């Protein structure tokens, strides 16, 4: 059986590394409390929730 090689048009690993590096550069000198505030702001801006956080908790 031959392997068919496709050229990638999108590299998810590359994108993830670029995003991670960008966030690391922004947060590297932050204190724990500054980092918590940064994360809370970003989650709020993106209307996201942290892992383990359910809708039930948000309503209380």
N, C-alpha and C. Protein backbone atom coordinates (compact mmCIF):
# COMPACT_ATOMS: atom_id res chain seq x y z
N UNK A 1 0.84 -1.18 0.00
CA UNK A 1 0.00 0.00 0.00
C UNK A 1 0.89 1.25 0.00
N UNK A 2 0.60 2.17 -0.88
CA UNK A 2 1.36 3.40 -0.97
C UNK A 2 0.81 4.46 -0.02
N UNK A 3 1.72 5.25 0.52
CA UNK A 3 1.32 6.36 1.35
C UNK A 3 1.18 7.60 0.48
N UNK A 4 0.06 8.24 0.59
CA UNK A 4 -0.18 9.46 -0.18
C UNK A 4 0.22 10.65 0.70
N UNK A 5 1.15 11.43 0.21
CA UNK A 5 1.61 12.59 0.98
C UNK A 5 0.88 13.83 0.50
N UNK A 6 0.28 14.52 1.44
CA UNK A 6 -0.41 15.78 1.16
C UNK A 6 0.39 16.92 1.75
N UNK A 7 0.43 18.01 1.05
CA UNK A 7 1.08 19.19 1.58
C UNK A 7 0.10 19.89 2.52
N UNK A 8 0.59 20.24 3.70
CA UNK A 8 -0.26 20.90 4.68
C UNK A 8 -0.57 22.32 4.26
N UNK A 9 -1.82 22.71 4.45
CA UNK A 9 -2.18 24.10 4.24
C UNK A 9 -2.33 24.81 5.58
N UNK A 10 -2.42 24.03 6.65
CA UNK A 10 -2.56 24.58 7.99
C UNK A 10 -1.79 23.69 8.96
N UNK A 11 -0.92 24.29 9.77
CA UNK A 11 -0.13 23.54 10.73
C UNK A 11 -0.58 23.91 12.14
N UNK A 12 -1.41 23.05 12.74
CA UNK A 12 -1.98 23.33 14.06
C UNK A 12 -0.91 23.40 15.15
N UNK A 13 0.11 22.54 15.05
CA UNK A 13 1.17 22.53 16.07
C UNK A 13 1.95 23.84 16.02
N UNK A 14 2.26 24.29 14.83
CA UNK A 14 2.98 25.57 14.67
C UNK A 14 2.16 26.72 15.26
N UNK A 15 0.86 26.74 14.94
CA UNK A 15 -0.01 27.79 15.46
C UNK A 15 -0.07 27.76 16.98
N UNK A 16 -0.21 26.56 17.57
CA UNK A 16 -0.27 26.44 19.02
C UNK A 16 1.01 26.95 19.66
N UNK A 17 2.15 26.60 19.08
CA UNK A 17 3.44 27.07 19.63
C UNK A 17 3.57 28.58 19.54
N UNK A 18 3.13 29.17 18.43
CA UNK A 18 3.19 30.63 18.28
C UNK A 18 2.31 31.33 19.31
N UNK A 19 1.11 30.81 19.52
CA UNK A 19 0.21 31.39 20.52
C UNK A 19 0.79 31.25 21.92
N UNK A 20 1.30 30.05 22.23
CA UNK A 20 1.89 29.81 23.55
C UNK A 20 3.07 30.74 23.80
N UNK A 21 3.94 30.92 22.79
CA UNK A 21 5.10 31.80 22.94
C UNK A 21 4.67 33.26 23.14
N UNK A 22 3.63 33.67 22.42
CA UNK A 22 3.13 35.05 22.56
C UNK A 22 2.61 35.29 23.98
N UNK A 23 1.83 34.34 24.49
CA UNK A 23 1.29 34.46 25.85
C UNK A 23 2.42 34.43 26.87
N UNK A 24 3.39 33.55 26.68
CA UNK A 24 4.53 33.45 27.60
C UNK A 24 5.30 34.75 27.66
N UNK A 25 5.52 35.38 26.51
CA UNK A 25 6.24 36.66 26.48
C UNK A 25 5.48 37.75 27.22
N UNK A 26 4.14 37.76 27.11
CA UNK A 26 3.34 38.77 27.79
C UNK A 26 3.30 38.55 29.30
N UNK A 27 3.34 37.30 29.74
CA UNK A 27 3.08 37.00 31.15
C UNK A 27 4.33 36.61 31.95
N UNK A 28 5.48 36.55 31.33
CA UNK A 28 6.66 36.01 32.00
C UNK A 28 7.09 36.76 33.26
N UNK A 29 6.84 38.04 33.35
CA UNK A 29 7.26 38.80 34.52
C UNK A 29 6.11 39.17 35.45
N UNK A 30 4.96 38.54 35.25
CA UNK A 30 3.79 38.84 36.08
C UNK A 30 3.84 38.07 37.38
N UNK A 31 3.33 38.70 38.42
CA UNK A 31 3.16 37.99 39.70
C UNK A 31 1.97 37.04 39.55
N UNK A 32 1.78 36.18 40.53
CA UNK A 32 0.68 35.23 40.49
C UNK A 32 -0.67 35.96 40.40
N UNK A 33 -0.84 37.01 41.19
CA UNK A 33 -2.09 37.77 41.18
C UNK A 33 -2.31 38.50 39.85
N UNK A 34 -1.24 39.02 39.26
CA UNK A 34 -1.35 39.66 37.95
C UNK A 34 -1.73 38.64 36.88
N UNK A 35 -1.15 37.44 36.97
CA UNK A 35 -1.45 36.39 36.01
C UNK A 35 -2.90 35.94 36.13
N UNK A 36 -3.40 35.82 37.37
CA UNK A 36 -4.80 35.46 37.58
C UNK A 36 -5.72 36.51 36.96
N UNK A 37 -5.40 37.78 37.17
CA UNK A 37 -6.22 38.87 36.63
C UNK A 37 -6.16 38.86 35.10
N UNK A 38 -4.99 38.61 34.54
CA UNK A 38 -4.83 38.54 33.09
C UNK A 38 -5.70 37.43 32.51
N UNK A 39 -5.63 36.25 33.13
CA UNK A 39 -6.40 35.10 32.65
C UNK A 39 -7.90 35.36 32.78
N UNK A 40 -8.32 35.93 33.90
CA UNK A 40 -9.73 36.22 34.09
C UNK A 40 -10.24 37.18 33.03
N UNK A 41 -9.44 38.21 32.73
CA UNK A 41 -9.82 39.19 31.71
C UNK A 41 -9.94 38.52 30.35
N UNK A 42 -8.98 37.68 30.01
CA UNK A 42 -8.99 37.01 28.70
C UNK A 42 -10.18 36.06 28.57
N UNK A 43 -10.46 35.31 29.63
CA UNK A 43 -11.61 34.40 29.59
C UNK A 43 -12.91 35.19 29.45
N UNK A 44 -13.01 36.31 30.12
CA UNK A 44 -14.22 37.15 30.05
C UNK A 44 -14.37 37.74 28.65
N UNK A 45 -13.26 38.25 28.09
CA UNK A 45 -13.29 38.84 26.75
C UNK A 45 -13.74 37.82 25.70
N UNK A 46 -13.31 36.59 25.87
CA UNK A 46 -13.61 35.55 24.87
C UNK A 46 -14.86 34.76 25.22
N UNK A 47 -15.55 35.17 26.28
CA UNK A 47 -16.75 34.47 26.74
C UNK A 47 -16.49 32.98 26.92
N UNK A 48 -15.34 32.67 27.50
CA UNK A 48 -14.93 31.28 27.74
C UNK A 48 -14.98 30.99 29.22
N UNK A 49 -14.78 29.73 29.55
CA UNK A 49 -14.69 29.36 30.96
C UNK A 49 -13.49 28.47 31.16
N UNK A 50 -12.96 28.48 32.37
CA UNK A 50 -11.81 27.66 32.67
C UNK A 50 -12.21 26.20 32.76
N UNK A 51 -11.25 25.33 32.56
CA UNK A 51 -11.50 23.89 32.64
C UNK A 51 -12.03 23.56 34.03
N UNK A 52 -13.10 22.78 34.07
CA UNK A 52 -13.70 22.39 35.34
C UNK A 52 -14.76 23.35 35.84
N UNK A 53 -14.90 24.47 35.18
CA UNK A 53 -15.89 25.46 35.60
C UNK A 53 -17.18 25.18 34.83
N UNK A 54 -18.24 24.93 35.56
CA UNK A 54 -19.51 24.62 34.90
C UNK A 54 -20.41 25.84 34.86
N UNK A 55 -21.44 25.76 34.07
CA UNK A 55 -22.42 26.85 34.01
C UNK A 55 -23.13 27.03 35.34
N UNK A 56 -23.31 25.92 36.08
CA UNK A 56 -23.97 25.96 37.38
C UNK A 56 -23.21 26.89 38.33
N UNK A 57 -21.90 26.79 38.36
CA UNK A 57 -21.10 27.64 39.24
C UNK A 57 -21.20 29.10 38.86
N UNK A 58 -21.26 29.40 37.57
CA UNK A 58 -21.32 30.78 37.13
C UNK A 58 -22.63 31.44 37.55
N UNK A 59 -23.71 30.67 37.65
CA UNK A 59 -24.99 31.23 37.98
C UNK A 59 -25.14 31.51 39.47
N UNK A 60 -24.35 30.87 40.30
CA UNK A 60 -24.49 31.05 41.76
C UNK A 60 -23.95 32.38 42.22
